[in-house]
């Protein structure tokens, strides 16, 4: 079990994707940020959806994705919609 898998919302699939894009630990994830990390994952998995973006932000904040504030969800939703 790696350090990343101890974070909320990070299961095996997402953990493997993080490793594949070069994010090996929590510090790298925080430094990269949820949005840029999501874009990097989207480049290797075009099925990466809004929930994956929420999951990454929740992991950075140390909470389950559904515990994100509505303002954070709105910001991430706008980012996602503008990216597509």
PDB file of N, CA and C in Angstrom:
ATOM      1  N   UNK A   1       0.853  -1.182   0.000  1.00  0.00           N
ATOM      2  CA  UNK A   1       0.000   0.000   0.000  1.00  0.00           C
ATOM      3  C   UNK A   1       0.896   1.241   0.000  1.00  0.00           C
ATOM      4  N   UNK A   2       0.701   2.086  -0.966  1.00  0.00           N
ATOM      5  CA  UNK A   2       1.547   3.267  -1.060  1.00  0.00           C
ATOM      6  C   UNK A   2       0.947   4.423  -0.268  1.00  0.00           C
ATOM      7  N   UNK A   3       1.734   5.457  -0.145  1.00  0.00           N
ATOM      8  CA  UNK A   3       1.302   6.666   0.536  1.00  0.00           C
ATOM      9  C   UNK A   3       0.066   7.264  -0.136  1.00  0.00           C
ATOM     10  N   UNK A   4       0.025   7.227  -1.458  1.00  0.00           N
ATOM     11  CA  UNK A   4      -1.108   7.796  -2.191  1.00  0.00           C
ATOM     12  C   UNK A   4      -2.408   7.070  -1.886  1.00  0.00           C
ATOM     13  N   UNK A   5      -2.350   5.758  -1.759  1.00  0.00           N
ATOM     14  CA  UNK A   5      -3.576   4.986  -1.540  1.00  0.00           C
ATOM     15  C   UNK A   5      -4.162   5.219  -0.148  1.00  0.00           C
ATOM     16  N   UNK A   6      -3.432   5.866   0.718  1.00  0.00           N
ATOM     17  CA  UNK A   6      -3.945   6.193   2.051  1.00  0.00           C
ATOM     18  C   UNK A   6      -4.824   7.434   2.027  1.00  0.00           C
ATOM     19  N   UNK A   7      -4.778   8.170   0.918  1.00  0.00           N
ATOM     20  CA  UNK A   7      -5.590   9.374   0.788  1.00  0.00           C
ATOM     21  C   UNK A   7      -7.036   9.006   0.483  1.00  0.00           C
ATOM     22  N   UNK A   8      -7.988   9.827   0.947  1.00  0.00           N
ATOM     23  CA  UNK A   8      -9.377   9.575   0.576  1.00  0.00           C
ATOM     24  C   UNK A   8      -9.539   9.679  -0.940  1.00  0.00           C
ATOM     25  N   UNK A   9     -10.406   8.875  -1.485  1.00  0.00           N
ATOM     26  CA  UNK A   9     -10.775   8.881  -2.907  1.00  0.00           C
ATOM     27  C   UNK A   9      -9.752   8.230  -3.828  1.00  0.00           C
ATOM     28  N   UNK A  10      -8.630   7.790  -3.316  1.00  0.00           N
ATOM     29  CA  UNK A  10      -7.580   7.224  -4.166  1.00  0.00           C
ATOM     30  C   UNK A  10      -7.634   5.707  -4.058  1.00  0.00           C
ATOM     31  N   UNK A  11      -8.240   5.088  -5.078  1.00  0.00           N
ATOM     32  CA  UNK A  11      -8.269   3.635  -5.163  1.00  0.00           C
ATOM     33  C   UNK A  11      -7.109   3.155  -6.019  1.00  0.00           C
ATOM     34  N   UNK A  12      -7.098   1.882  -6.307  1.00  0.00           N
ATOM     35  CA  UNK A  12      -6.000   1.297  -7.082  1.00  0.00           C
ATOM     36  C   UNK A  12      -5.858   1.896  -8.476  1.00  0.00           C
ATOM     37  N   UNK A  13      -6.964   2.066  -9.181  1.00  0.00           N
ATOM     38  CA  UNK A  13      -6.912   2.585 -10.553  1.00  0.00           C
ATOM     39  C   UNK A  13      -6.332   3.993 -10.559  1.00  0.00           C
ATOM     40  N   UNK A  14      -6.861   4.867  -9.716  1.00  0.00           N
ATOM     41  CA  UNK A  14      -6.381   6.243  -9.674  1.00  0.00           C
ATOM     42  C   UNK A  14      -4.936   6.294  -9.178  1.00  0.00           C
ATOM     43  N   UNK A  15      -4.608   5.473  -8.220  1.00  0.00           N
ATOM     44  CA  UNK A  15      -3.223   5.405  -7.733  1.00  0.00           C
ATOM     45  C   UNK A  15      -2.274   5.025  -8.878  1.00  0.00           C
ATOM     46  N   UNK A  16      -2.654   4.024  -9.656  1.00  0.00           N
ATOM     47  CA  UNK A  16      -1.813   3.614 -10.785  1.00  0.00           C
ATOM     48  C   UNK A  16      -1.697   4.713 -11.835  1.00  0.00           C
ATOM     49  N   UNK A  17      -2.793   5.427 -12.070  1.00  0.00           N
ATOM     50  CA  UNK A  17      -2.735   6.540 -13.026  1.00  0.00           C
ATOM     51  C   UNK A  17      -1.818   7.642 -12.521  1.00  0.00           C
ATOM     52  N   UNK A  18      -1.887   7.943 -11.243  1.00  0.00           N
ATOM     53  CA  UNK A  18      -1.003   8.958 -10.672  1.00  0.00           C
ATOM     54  C   UNK A  18       0.456   8.561 -10.858  1.00  0.00           C
ATOM     55  N   UNK A  19       0.756   7.324 -10.584  1.00  0.00           N
ATOM     56  CA  UNK A  19       2.129   6.841 -10.766  1.00  0.00           C
ATOM     57  C   UNK A  19       2.543   6.917 -12.235  1.00  0.00           C
ATOM     58  N   UNK A  20       1.619   6.587 -13.133  1.00  0.00           N
ATOM     59  CA  UNK A  20       1.922   6.604 -14.559  1.00  0.00           C
ATOM     60  C   UNK A  20       2.265   8.010 -15.052  1.00  0.00           C
ATOM     61  N   UNK A  21       1.637   9.026 -14.473  1.00  0.00           N
ATOM     62  CA  UNK A  21       1.937  10.395 -14.898  1.00  0.00           C
ATOM     63  C   UNK A  21       3.069  11.021 -14.085  1.00  0.00           C
ATOM     64  N   UNK A  22       3.670  10.227 -13.204  1.00  0.00           N
ATOM     65  CA  UNK A  22       4.855  10.687 -12.481  1.00  0.00           C
ATOM     66  C   UNK A  22       4.606  11.263 -11.104  1.00  0.00           C
ATOM     67  N   UNK A  23       3.389  11.144 -10.609  1.00  0.00           N
ATOM     68  CA  UNK A  23       3.105  11.626  -9.258  1.00  0.00           C
ATOM     69  C   UNK A  23       3.235  10.442  -8.312  1.00  0.00           C
ATOM     70  N   UNK A  24       4.262  10.502  -7.493  1.00  0.00           N
ATOM     71  CA  UNK A  24       4.613   9.359  -6.650  1.00  0.00           C
ATOM     72  C   UNK A  24       4.240   9.528  -5.180  1.00  0.00           C
ATOM     73  N   UNK A  25       3.955  10.775  -4.756  1.00  0.00           N
ATOM     74  CA  UNK A  25       3.653  10.977  -3.344  1.00  0.00           C
ATOM     75  C   UNK A  25       2.686  12.143  -3.156  1.00  0.00           C
ATOM     76  N   UNK A  26       2.248  12.295  -1.931  1.00  0.00           N
ATOM     77  CA  UNK A  26       1.254  13.307  -1.593  1.00  0.00           C
ATOM     78  C   UNK A  26       1.774  14.708  -1.918  1.00  0.00           C
ATOM     79  N   UNK A  27       3.030  14.969  -1.605  1.00  0.00           N
ATOM     80  CA  UNK A  27       3.601  16.292  -1.840  1.00  0.00           C
ATOM     81  C   UNK A  27       3.545  16.668  -3.319  1.00  0.00           C
ATOM     82  N   UNK A  28       3.860  15.727  -4.182  1.00  0.00           N
ATOM     83  CA  UNK A  28       3.794  15.996  -5.625  1.00  0.00           C
ATOM     84  C   UNK A  28       2.363  16.269  -6.060  1.00  0.00           C
ATOM     85  N   UNK A  29       1.419  15.532  -5.511  1.00  0.00           N
ATOM     86  CA  UNK A  29       0.014  15.741  -5.845  1.00  0.00           C
ATOM     87  C   UNK A  29      -0.431  17.138  -5.427  1.00  0.00           C
ATOM     88  N   UNK A  30      -0.086  17.529  -4.224  1.00  0.00           N
ATOM     89  CA  UNK A  30      -0.462  18.852  -3.730  1.00  0.00           C
ATOM     90  C   UNK A  30       0.188  19.938  -4.579  1.00  0.00           C
ATOM     91  N   UNK A  31       1.462  19.761  -4.874  1.00  0.00           N
ATOM     92  CA  UNK A  31       2.186  20.755  -5.673  1.00  0.00           C
ATOM     93  C   UNK A  31       1.604  20.893  -7.080  1.00  0.00           C
ATOM     94  N   UNK A  32       1.235  19.789  -7.677  1.00  0.00           N
ATOM     95  CA  UNK A  32       0.683  19.801  -9.035  1.00  0.00           C
ATOM     96  C   UNK A  32      -0.739  20.352  -9.041  1.00  0.00           C
ATOM     97  N   UNK A  33      -1.495  20.049  -8.016  1.00  0.00           N
ATOM     98  CA  UNK A  33      -2.872  20.528  -7.912  1.00  0.00           C
ATOM     99  C   UNK A  33      -3.843  19.618  -8.640  1.00  0.00           C
ATOM    100  N   UNK A  34      -5.087  19.700  -8.244  1.00  0.00           N
ATOM    101  CA  UNK A  34      -6.095  18.789  -8.797  1.00  0.00           C
ATOM    102  C   UNK A  34      -6.341  19.029 -10.285  1.00  0.00           C
ATOM    103  N   UNK A  35      -6.380  20.274 -10.695  1.00  0.00           N
ATOM    104  CA  UNK A  35      -6.710  20.574 -12.089  1.00  0.00           C
ATOM    105  C   UNK A  35      -5.628  20.075 -13.040  1.00  0.00           C
ATOM    106  N   UNK A  36      -4.388  20.419 -12.760  1.00  0.00           N
ATOM    107  CA  UNK A  36      -3.298  19.992 -13.647  1.00  0.00           C
ATOM    108  C   UNK A  36      -3.135  18.474 -13.610  1.00  0.00           C
ATOM    109  N   UNK A  37      -3.290  17.883 -12.429  1.00  0.00           N
ATOM    110  CA  UNK A  37      -3.203  16.427 -12.318  1.00  0.00           C
ATOM    111  C   UNK A  37      -4.294  15.770 -13.156  1.00  0.00           C
ATOM    112  N   UNK A  38      -5.510  16.312 -13.080  1.00  0.00           N
ATOM    113  CA  UNK A  38      -6.614  15.769 -13.868  1.00  0.00           C
ATOM    114  C   UNK A  38      -6.321  15.856 -15.358  1.00  0.00           C
ATOM    115  N   UNK A  39      -5.782  16.981 -15.817  1.00  0.00           N
ATOM    116  CA  UNK A  39      -5.440  17.128 -17.242  1.00  0.00           C
ATOM    117  C   UNK A  39      -4.418  16.076 -17.647  1.00  0.00           C
ATOM    118  N   UNK A  40      -3.428  15.846 -16.806  1.00  0.00           N
ATOM    119  CA  UNK A  40      -2.402  14.847 -17.105  1.00  0.00           C
ATOM    120  C   UNK A  40      -3.021  13.451 -17.190  1.00  0.00           C
ATOM    121  N   UNK A  41      -3.944  13.155 -16.289  1.00  0.00           N
ATOM    122  CA  UNK A  41      -4.628  11.859 -16.325  1.00  0.00           C
ATOM    123  C   UNK A  41      -5.515  11.782 -17.558  1.00  0.00           C
ATOM    124  N   UNK A  42      -6.191  12.865 -17.881  1.00  0.00           N
ATOM    125  CA  UNK A  42      -7.076  12.890 -19.053  1.00  0.00           C
ATOM    126  C   UNK A  42      -6.287  12.590 -20.333  1.00  0.00           C
ATOM    127  N   UNK A  43      -5.017  12.991 -20.358  1.00  0.00           N
ATOM    128  CA  UNK A  43      -4.176  12.719 -21.525  1.00  0.00           C
ATOM    129  C   UNK A  43      -3.880  11.228 -21.712  1.00  0.00           C
ATOM    130  N   UNK A  44      -3.986  10.458 -20.644  1.00  0.00           N
ATOM    131  CA  UNK A  44      -3.751   9.012 -20.757  1.00  0.00           C
ATOM    132  C   UNK A  44      -5.047   8.205 -20.653  1.00  0.00           C
ATOM    133  N   UNK A  45      -6.132   8.871 -20.219  1.00  0.00           N
ATOM    134  CA  UNK A  45      -7.419   8.187 -20.048  1.00  0.00           C
ATOM    135  C   UNK A  45      -8.534   9.173 -20.359  1.00  0.00           C
ATOM    136  N   UNK A  46      -9.045   9.107 -21.578  1.00  0.00           N
ATOM    137  CA  UNK A  46     -10.054  10.087 -21.971  1.00  0.00           C
ATOM    138  C   UNK A  46     -11.404   9.864 -21.302  1.00  0.00           C
ATOM    139  N   UNK A  47     -11.512   8.844 -20.467  1.00  0.00           N
ATOM    140  CA  UNK A  47     -12.744   8.648 -19.717  1.00  0.00           C
ATOM    141  C   UNK A  47     -12.711   9.377 -18.368  1.00  0.00           C
ATOM    142  N   UNK A  48     -11.597  10.056 -18.064  1.00  0.00           N
ATOM    143  CA  UNK A  48     -11.496  10.793 -16.800  1.00  0.00           C
ATOM    144  C   UNK A  48     -12.573  11.876 -16.775  1.00  0.00           C
ATOM    145  N   UNK A  49     -13.472  11.777 -15.817  1.00  0.00           N
ATOM    146  CA  UNK A  49     -14.639  12.644 -15.777  1.00  0.00           C
ATOM    147  C   UNK A  49     -14.554  13.635 -14.623  1.00  0.00           C
ATOM    148  N   UNK A  50     -15.629  14.375 -14.445  1.00  0.00           N
ATOM    149  CA  UNK A  50     -15.701  15.369 -13.387  1.00  0.00           C
ATOM    150  C   UNK A  50     -15.507  14.741 -12.013  1.00  0.00           C
ATOM    151  N   UNK A  51     -16.039  13.547 -11.812  1.00  0.00           N
ATOM    152  CA  UNK A  51     -15.882  12.896 -10.511  1.00  0.00           C
ATOM    153  C   UNK A  51     -14.415  12.604 -10.191  1.00  0.00           C
ATOM    154  N   UNK A  52     -13.622  12.332 -11.208  1.00  0.00           N
ATOM    155  CA  UNK A  52     -12.193  12.107 -10.969  1.00  0.00           C
ATOM    156  C   UNK A  52     -11.530  13.406 -10.516  1.00  0.00           C
ATOM    157  N   UNK A  53     -11.940  14.510 -11.103  1.00  0.00           N
ATOM    158  CA  UNK A  53     -11.430  15.821 -10.687  1.00  0.00           C
ATOM    159  C   UNK A  53     -11.830  16.108  -9.242  1.00  0.00           C
ATOM    160  N   UNK A  54     -13.081  15.840  -8.903  1.00  0.00           N
ATOM    161  CA  UNK A  54     -13.529  15.989  -7.510  1.00  0.00           C
ATOM    162  C   UNK A  54     -12.712  15.095  -6.578  1.00  0.00           C
ATOM    163  N   UNK A  55     -12.477  13.867  -6.989  1.00  0.00           N
ATOM    164  CA  UNK A  55     -11.724  12.920  -6.163  1.00  0.00           C
ATOM    165  C   UNK A  55     -10.321  13.442  -5.880  1.00  0.00           C
ATOM    166  N   UNK A  56      -9.682  13.985  -6.900  1.00  0.00           N
ATOM    167  CA  UNK A  56      -8.330  14.513  -6.721  1.00  0.00           C
ATOM    168  C   UNK A  56      -8.327  15.691  -5.755  1.00  0.00           C
ATOM    169  N   UNK A  57      -9.262  16.605  -5.912  1.00  0.00           N
ATOM    170  CA  UNK A  57      -9.330  17.761  -5.006  1.00  0.00           C
ATOM    171  C   UNK A  57      -9.628  17.300  -3.581  1.00  0.00           C
ATOM    172  N   UNK A  58     -10.537  16.352  -3.445  1.00  0.00           N
ATOM    173  CA  UNK A  58     -10.828  15.817  -2.120  1.00  0.00           C
ATOM    174  C   UNK A  58      -9.614  15.169  -1.489  1.00  0.00           C
ATOM    175  N   UNK A  59      -8.851  14.432  -2.280  1.00  0.00           N
ATOM    176  CA  UNK A  59      -7.634  13.795  -1.765  1.00  0.00           C
ATOM    177  C   UNK A  59      -6.648  14.848  -1.277  1.00  0.00           C
ATOM    178  N   UNK A  60      -6.501  15.912  -2.036  1.00  0.00           N
ATOM    179  CA  UNK A  60      -5.592  16.992  -1.635  1.00  0.00           C
ATOM    180  C   UNK A  60      -6.064  17.637  -0.335  1.00  0.00           C
ATOM    181  N   UNK A  61      -7.370  17.806  -0.200  1.00  0.00           N
ATOM    182  CA  UNK A  61      -7.916  18.415   1.018  1.00  0.00           C
ATOM    183  C   UNK A  61      -8.031  17.425   2.175  1.00  0.00           C
ATOM    184  N   UNK A  62      -7.849  16.135   1.876  1.00  0.00           N
ATOM    185  CA  UNK A  62      -7.934  15.118   2.921  1.00  0.00           C
ATOM    186  C   UNK A  62      -9.347  14.739   3.298  1.00  0.00           C
ATOM    187  N   UNK A  63     -10.293  14.921   2.345  1.00  0.00           N
ATOM    188  CA  UNK A  63     -11.694  14.599   2.614  1.00  0.00           C
ATOM    189  C   UNK A  63     -12.278  13.791   1.455  1.00  0.00           C
ATOM    190  N   UNK A  64     -13.378  13.126   1.707  1.00  0.00           N
ATOM    191  CA  UNK A  64     -14.088  12.445   0.630  1.00  0.00           C
ATOM    192  C   UNK A  64     -14.616  13.508  -0.327  1.00  0.00           C
ATOM    193  N   UNK A  65     -14.703  13.161  -1.608  1.00  0.00           N
ATOM    194  CA  UNK A  65     -15.064  14.147  -2.629  1.00  0.00           C
ATOM    195  C   UNK A  65     -16.408  14.798  -2.373  1.00  0.00           C
ATOM    196  N   UNK A  66     -17.358  14.058  -1.830  1.00  0.00           N
ATOM    197  CA  UNK A  66     -18.689  14.613  -1.602  1.00  0.00           C
ATOM    198  C   UNK A  66     -18.705  15.617  -0.456  1.00  0.00           C
ATOM    199  N   UNK A  67     -17.605  15.717   0.281  1.00  0.00           N
ATOM    200  CA  UNK A  67     -17.493  16.704   1.355  1.00  0.00           C
ATOM    201  C   UNK A  67     -16.933  18.039   0.892  1.00  0.00           C
ATOM    202  N   UNK A  68     -16.600  18.138  -0.403  1.00  0.00           N
ATOM    203  CA  UNK A  68     -16.111  19.410  -0.931  1.00  0.00           C
ATOM    204  C   UNK A  68     -17.204  20.471  -0.819  1.00  0.00           C
ATOM    205  N   UNK A  69     -16.805  21.697  -0.567  1.00  0.00           N
ATOM    206  CA  UNK A  69     -17.788  22.772  -0.495  1.00  0.00           C
ATOM    207  C   UNK A  69     -18.430  22.982  -1.864  1.00  0.00           C
ATOM    208  N   UNK A  70     -19.619  23.531  -1.859  1.00  0.00           N
ATOM    209  CA  UNK A  70     -20.318  23.786  -3.118  1.00  0.00           C
ATOM    210  C   UNK A  70     -19.547  24.769  -3.990  1.00  0.00           C
ATOM    211  N   UNK A  71     -18.868  25.726  -3.365  1.00  0.00           N
ATOM    212  CA  UNK A  71     -18.105  26.697  -4.162  1.00  0.00           C
ATOM    213  C   UNK A  71     -16.920  26.023  -4.858  1.00  0.00           C
ATOM    214  N   UNK A  72     -16.267  25.081  -4.180  1.00  0.00           N
ATOM    215  CA  UNK A  72     -15.162  24.346  -4.806  1.00  0.00           C
ATOM    216  C   UNK A  72     -15.702  23.467  -5.926  1.00  0.00           C
ATOM    217  N   UNK A  73     -16.819  22.779  -5.683  1.00  0.00           N
ATOM    218  CA  UNK A  73     -17.419  21.953  -6.731  1.00  0.00           C
ATOM    219  C   UNK A  73     -17.804  22.795  -7.940  1.00  0.00           C
ATOM    220  N   UNK A  74     -18.368  23.974  -7.685  1.00  0.00           N
ATOM    221  CA  UNK A  74     -18.748  24.861  -8.795  1.00  0.00           C
ATOM    222  C   UNK A  74     -17.525  25.277  -9.598  1.00  0.00           C
ATOM    223  N   UNK A  75     -16.452  25.634  -8.913  1.00  0.00           N
ATOM    224  CA  UNK A  75     -15.220  26.031  -9.604  1.00  0.00           C
ATOM    225  C   UNK A  75     -14.675  24.879 -10.445  1.00  0.00           C
ATOM    226  N   UNK A  76     -14.637  23.692  -9.869  1.00  0.00           N
ATOM    227  CA  UNK A  76     -14.140  22.530 -10.599  1.00  0.00           C
ATOM    228  C   UNK A  76     -15.051  22.172 -11.768  1.00  0.00           C
ATOM    229  N   UNK A  77     -16.350  22.304 -11.576  1.00  0.00           N
ATOM    230  CA  UNK A  77     -17.306  22.022 -12.651  1.00  0.00           C
ATOM    231  C   UNK A  77     -17.102  22.989 -13.810  1.00  0.00           C
ATOM    232  N   UNK A  78     -16.902  24.278 -13.524  1.00  0.00           N
ATOM    233  CA  UNK A  78     -16.638  25.259 -14.580  1.00  0.00           C
ATOM    234  C   UNK A  78     -15.345  24.911 -15.308  1.00  0.00           C
ATOM    235  N   UNK A  79     -14.308  24.548 -14.558  1.00  0.00           N
ATOM    236  CA  UNK A  79     -13.030  24.168 -15.174  1.00  0.00           C
ATOM    237  C   UNK A  79     -13.232  22.974 -16.110  1.00  0.00           C
ATOM    238  N   UNK A  80     -13.919  21.963 -15.619  1.00  0.00           N
ATOM    239  CA  UNK A  80     -14.190  20.755 -16.408  1.00  0.00           C
ATOM    240  C   UNK A  80     -14.956  21.099 -17.684  1.00  0.00           C
ATOM    241  N   UNK A  81     -16.004  21.891 -17.556  1.00  0.00           N
ATOM    242  CA  UNK A  81     -16.834  22.231 -18.707  1.00  0.00           C
ATOM    243  C   UNK A  81     -16.054  23.072 -19.728  1.00  0.00           C
ATOM    244  N   UNK A  82     -15.188  23.931 -19.271  1.00  0.00           N
ATOM    245  CA  UNK A  82     -14.360  24.741 -20.186  1.00  0.00           C
ATOM    246  C   UNK A  82     -13.282  23.909 -20.852  1.00  0.00           C
ATOM    247  N   UNK A  83     -12.838  22.857 -20.190  1.00  0.00           N
ATOM    248  CA  UNK A  83     -11.786  21.999 -20.748  1.00  0.00           C
ATOM    249  C   UNK A  83     -12.325  21.175 -21.922  1.00  0.00           C
ATOM    250  N   UNK A  84     -13.537  20.679 -21.770  1.00  0.00           N
ATOM    251  CA  UNK A  84     -14.119  19.803 -22.779  1.00  0.00           C
ATOM    252  C   UNK A  84     -14.304  20.571 -24.026  1.00  0.00           C
TER     253      UNK A  84
END
